Amino acid sequence: MIGLGTTLRCNLPPRHIWIVLSDPAQTNGRILVANLTTLTEDCVDDVCILKPSDYPLLTQATTVAYSRAEAGTASKLEELVDAGDFSVITAVPITVLANVLRGAHQTRQLSTSQKQLLAPVPS
């Protein structure tokens, strides 16, 4: 079941990790997902930087690529999991999810319509 904080690995190159930033029960099944990517000097996404100590599957400084976020439906993402395009993996810790959501609410890389899908930051 796809929900807020579900963490997935894309099984197609470049095999990024993606995080669900919406609660589909609160958004009529719609979700926003963003992927994690290596932090580089020219990266426009520098609002939320994660370290390997934040999540065991990270091996280097990593950023949340809000500029590449995708909106869709939880049911479509479940279909992609069933088809083998994505695998559900260990979820990011709640503290990391809170930081990712905080960054999502702050970034200029998400449109207003994308931000409407965001869950509130957990307290």
C-alpha atoms as a PDB file:
ATOM      1  CA  MET A   1       0.000   0.000   0.000  1.00  0.00           C
ATOM      2  CA  ILE A   2       1.442   3.331  -1.080  1.00  0.00           C
ATOM      3  CA  GLY A   3       1.301   6.039   1.585  1.00  0.00           C
ATOM      4  CA  LEU A   4       3.103   9.032   2.993  1.00  0.00           C
ATOM      5  CA  GLY A   5       6.784   8.199   3.419  1.00  0.00           C
ATOM      6  CA  THR A   6       6.745   5.066   1.260  1.00  0.00           C
ATOM      7  CA  THR A   7      10.286   4.804  -0.053  1.00  0.00           C
ATOM      8  CA  LEU A   8      11.034   3.054  -3.332  1.00  0.00           C
ATOM      9  CA  ARG A   9      13.954   2.289  -5.604  1.00  0.00           C
ATOM     10  CA  CYS A  10      13.452   2.618  -9.315  1.00  0.00           C
ATOM     11  CA  ASN A  11      14.640  -0.590 -10.965  1.00  0.00           C
ATOM     12  CA  LEU A  12      15.447   1.241 -14.191  1.00  0.00           C
ATOM     13  CA  PRO A  13      18.658   3.255 -14.629  1.00  0.00           C
ATOM     14  CA  PRO A  14      19.754   5.395 -12.893  1.00  0.00           C
ATOM     15  CA  ARG A  15      17.999   3.517 -10.027  1.00  0.00           C
ATOM     16  CA  HIS A  16      17.196   6.549  -7.868  1.00  0.00           C
ATOM     17  CA  ILE A  17      15.431   6.311  -4.532  1.00  0.00           C
ATOM     18  CA  TRP A  18      12.001   8.002  -4.482  1.00  0.00           C
ATOM     19  CA  ILE A  19       9.905   9.141  -1.513  1.00  0.00           C
ATOM     20  CA  VAL A  20       6.134   9.652  -1.439  1.00  0.00           C
ATOM     21  CA  LEU A  21       5.461  13.149  -0.059  1.00  0.00           C
ATOM     22  CA  SER A  22       1.662  12.914   0.069  1.00  0.00           C
ATOM     23  CA  ASP A  23      -0.958  11.066   2.035  1.00  0.00           C
ATOM     24  CA  PRO A  24      -3.181   9.652  -0.728  1.00  0.00           C
ATOM     25  CA  ALA A  25      -6.026   9.270   1.792  1.00  0.00           C
ATOM     26  CA  GLN A  26      -6.041  13.077   2.108  1.00  0.00           C
ATOM     27  CA  THR A  27      -5.562  13.903  -1.596  1.00  0.00           C
ATOM     28  CA  ASN A  28      -8.136  11.660  -3.310  1.00  0.00           C
ATOM     29  CA  GLY A  29      -5.445   9.151  -4.229  1.00  0.00           C
ATOM     30  CA  ARG A  30      -3.092  11.718  -5.779  1.00  0.00           C
ATOM     31  CA  ILE A  31       0.538  11.737  -4.713  1.00  0.00           C
ATOM     32  CA  LEU A  32       3.737  13.662  -5.213  1.00  0.00           C
ATOM     33  CA  VAL A  33       7.022  11.785  -5.276  1.00  0.00           C
ATOM     34  CA  ALA A  34      10.556  13.165  -5.335  1.00  0.00           C
ATOM     35  CA  ASN A  35      13.789  11.354  -5.917  1.00  0.00           C
ATOM     36  CA  LEU A  36      17.122  11.500  -4.151  1.00  0.00           C
ATOM     37  CA  THR A  37      20.194  12.259  -6.215  1.00  0.00           C
ATOM     38  CA  THR A  38      23.875  12.965  -5.738  1.00  0.00           C
ATOM     39  CA  LEU A  39      24.550  16.519  -4.651  1.00  0.00           C
ATOM     40  CA  THR A  40      26.686  18.254  -7.266  1.00  0.00           C
ATOM     41  CA  GLU A  41      28.006  21.793  -7.513  1.00  0.00           C
ATOM     42  CA  ASP A  42      25.541  22.812 -10.234  1.00  0.00           C
ATOM     43  CA  CYS A  43      22.465  21.200  -8.646  1.00  0.00           C
ATOM     44  CA  VAL A  44      19.456  23.536  -8.348  1.00  0.00           C
ATOM     45  CA  ASP A  45      18.018  21.414  -5.541  1.00  0.00           C
ATOM     46  CA  ASP A  46      19.940  22.326  -2.408  1.00  0.00           C
ATOM     47  CA  VAL A  47      17.117  22.923   0.074  1.00  0.00           C
ATOM     48  CA  CYS A  48      17.284  19.465   1.684  1.00  0.00           C
ATOM     49  CA  ILE A  49      20.666  17.769   1.804  1.00  0.00           C
ATOM     50  CA  LEU A  50      20.956  14.323   3.347  1.00  0.00           C
ATOM     51  CA  LYS A  51      24.036  12.540   4.665  1.00  0.00           C
ATOM     52  CA  PRO A  52      24.750   8.810   4.821  1.00  0.00           C
ATOM     53  CA  SER A  53      24.044   8.989   8.566  1.00  0.00           C
ATOM     54  CA  ASP A  54      20.464  10.100   7.757  1.00  0.00           C
ATOM     55  CA  TYR A  55      19.532   6.953   5.857  1.00  0.00           C
ATOM     56  CA  PRO A  56      21.542   3.709   5.574  1.00  0.00           C
ATOM     57  CA  LEU A  57      21.155   3.390   1.789  1.00  0.00           C
ATOM     58  CA  LEU A  58      22.987   6.667   1.153  1.00  0.00           C
ATOM     59  CA  THR A  59      26.724   6.534   0.479  1.00  0.00           C
ATOM     60  CA  GLN A  60      27.416  10.238  -0.130  1.00  0.00           C
ATOM     61  CA  ALA A  61      25.928  13.711   0.188  1.00  0.00           C
ATOM     62  CA  THR A  62      22.520  13.489  -1.435  1.00  0.00           C
ATOM     63  CA  THR A  63      19.822  16.022  -2.210  1.00  0.00           C
ATOM     64  CA  VAL A  64      16.098  15.788  -2.731  1.00  0.00           C
ATOM     65  CA  ALA A  65      15.446  16.615  -6.381  1.00  0.00           C
ATOM     66  CA  TYR A  66      12.263  18.639  -5.946  1.00  0.00           C
ATOM     67  CA  SER A  67      12.755  20.009  -9.461  1.00  0.00           C
ATOM     68  CA  ARG A  68      12.159  16.490 -10.795  1.00  0.00           C
ATOM     69  CA  ALA A  69       9.178  15.677  -8.566  1.00  0.00           C
ATOM     70  CA  GLU A  70       6.328  13.822 -10.227  1.00  0.00           C
ATOM     71  CA  ALA A  71       2.619  13.961  -9.451  1.00  0.00           C
ATOM     72  CA  GLY A  72       0.413  10.968 -10.100  1.00  0.00           C
ATOM     73  CA  THR A  73      -1.800   8.507  -8.310  1.00  0.00           C
ATOM     74  CA  ALA A  74      -1.024   5.950  -5.646  1.00  0.00           C
ATOM     75  CA  SER A  75      -2.770   3.301  -7.766  1.00  0.00           C
ATOM     76  CA  LYS A  76      -0.490   4.008 -10.748  1.00  0.00           C
ATOM     77  CA  LEU A  77       2.591   3.765  -8.538  1.00  0.00           C
ATOM     78  CA  GLU A  78       1.293   0.461  -7.164  1.00  0.00           C
ATOM     79  CA  GLU A  79       0.926  -0.765 -10.765  1.00  0.00           C
ATOM     80  CA  LEU A  80       4.568   0.198 -11.418  1.00  0.00           C
ATOM     81  CA  VAL A  81       5.634  -1.715  -8.296  1.00  0.00           C
ATOM     82  CA  ASP A  82       3.605  -4.752  -9.432  1.00  0.00           C
ATOM     83  CA  ALA A  83       5.234  -4.521 -12.883  1.00  0.00           C
ATOM     84  CA  GLY A  84       8.711  -4.519 -11.291  1.00  0.00           C
ATOM     85  CA  ASP A  85       9.647  -0.973 -12.313  1.00  0.00           C
ATOM     86  CA  PHE A  86       9.911   0.063  -8.644  1.00  0.00           C
ATOM     87  CA  SER A  87      10.612  -1.838  -5.426  1.00  0.00           C
ATOM     88  CA  VAL A  88       9.422  -0.728  -2.013  1.00  0.00           C
ATOM     89  CA  ILE A  89      12.450  -0.457   0.278  1.00  0.00           C
ATOM     90  CA  THR A  90      13.066   0.488   3.890  1.00  0.00           C
ATOM     91  CA  ALA A  91      11.327   3.782   4.557  1.00  0.00           C
ATOM     92  CA  VAL A  92      13.351   6.847   5.441  1.00  0.00           C
ATOM     93  CA  PRO A  93      13.174   7.600   9.184  1.00  0.00           C
ATOM     94  CA  ILE A  94      10.357   9.925  10.283  1.00  0.00           C
ATOM     95  CA  THR A  95      12.893  12.641  11.168  1.00  0.00           C
ATOM     96  CA  VAL A  96      14.269  12.516   7.623  1.00  0.00           C
ATOM     97  CA  LEU A  97      10.755  12.518   6.156  1.00  0.00           C
ATOM     98  CA  ALA A  98       9.978  15.617   8.243  1.00  0.00           C
ATOM     99  CA  ASN A  99      13.108  17.361   6.856  1.00  0.00           C
ATOM    100  CA  VAL A 100      12.203  16.351   3.300  1.00  0.00           C
ATOM    101  CA  LEU A 101       8.663  17.676   3.715  1.00  0.00           C
ATOM    102  CA  ARG A 102       9.922  20.886   5.331  1.00  0.00           C
ATOM    103  CA  GLY A 103      12.181  21.402   2.327  1.00  0.00           C
ATOM    104  CA  ALA A 104       9.323  20.634  -0.066  1.00  0.00           C
ATOM    105  CA  HIS A 105       7.153  23.314   1.516  1.00  0.00           C
ATOM    106  CA  GLN A 106      10.052  25.817   1.258  1.00  0.00           C
ATOM    107  CA  THR A 107      11.541  25.091  -2.162  1.00  0.00           C
ATOM    108  CA  ARG A 108      10.879  27.202  -5.226  1.00  0.00           C
ATOM    109  CA  GLN A 109      11.299  24.103  -7.395  1.00  0.00           C
ATOM    110  CA  LEU A 110       7.737  22.859  -6.793  1.00  0.00           C
ATOM    111  CA  SER A 111       4.691  24.463  -8.381  1.00  0.00           C
ATOM    112  CA  THR A 112       1.701  25.607  -6.359  1.00  0.00           C
ATOM    113  CA  SER A 113      -0.311  22.621  -7.582  1.00  0.00           C
ATOM    114  CA  GLN A 114       2.469  20.235  -6.532  1.00  0.00           C
ATOM    115  CA  LYS A 115       2.682  21.860  -3.099  1.00  0.00           C
ATOM    116  CA  GLN A 116      -1.059  21.348  -2.643  1.00  0.00           C
ATOM    117  CA  LEU A 117      -0.399  17.596  -2.658  1.00  0.00           C
ATOM    118  CA  LEU A 118       2.198  17.783   0.137  1.00  0.00           C
ATOM    119  CA  ALA A 119       1.473  16.346   3.536  1.00  0.00           C
ATOM    120  CA  PRO A 120       2.012  18.633   6.510  1.00  0.00           C
ATOM    121  CA  VAL A 121       5.379  18.344   8.252  1.00  0.00           C
ATOM    122  CA  PRO A 122       5.104  15.787  11.079  1.00  0.00           C
ATOM    123  CA  SER A 123       5.734  17.276  14.498  1.00  0.00           C
END
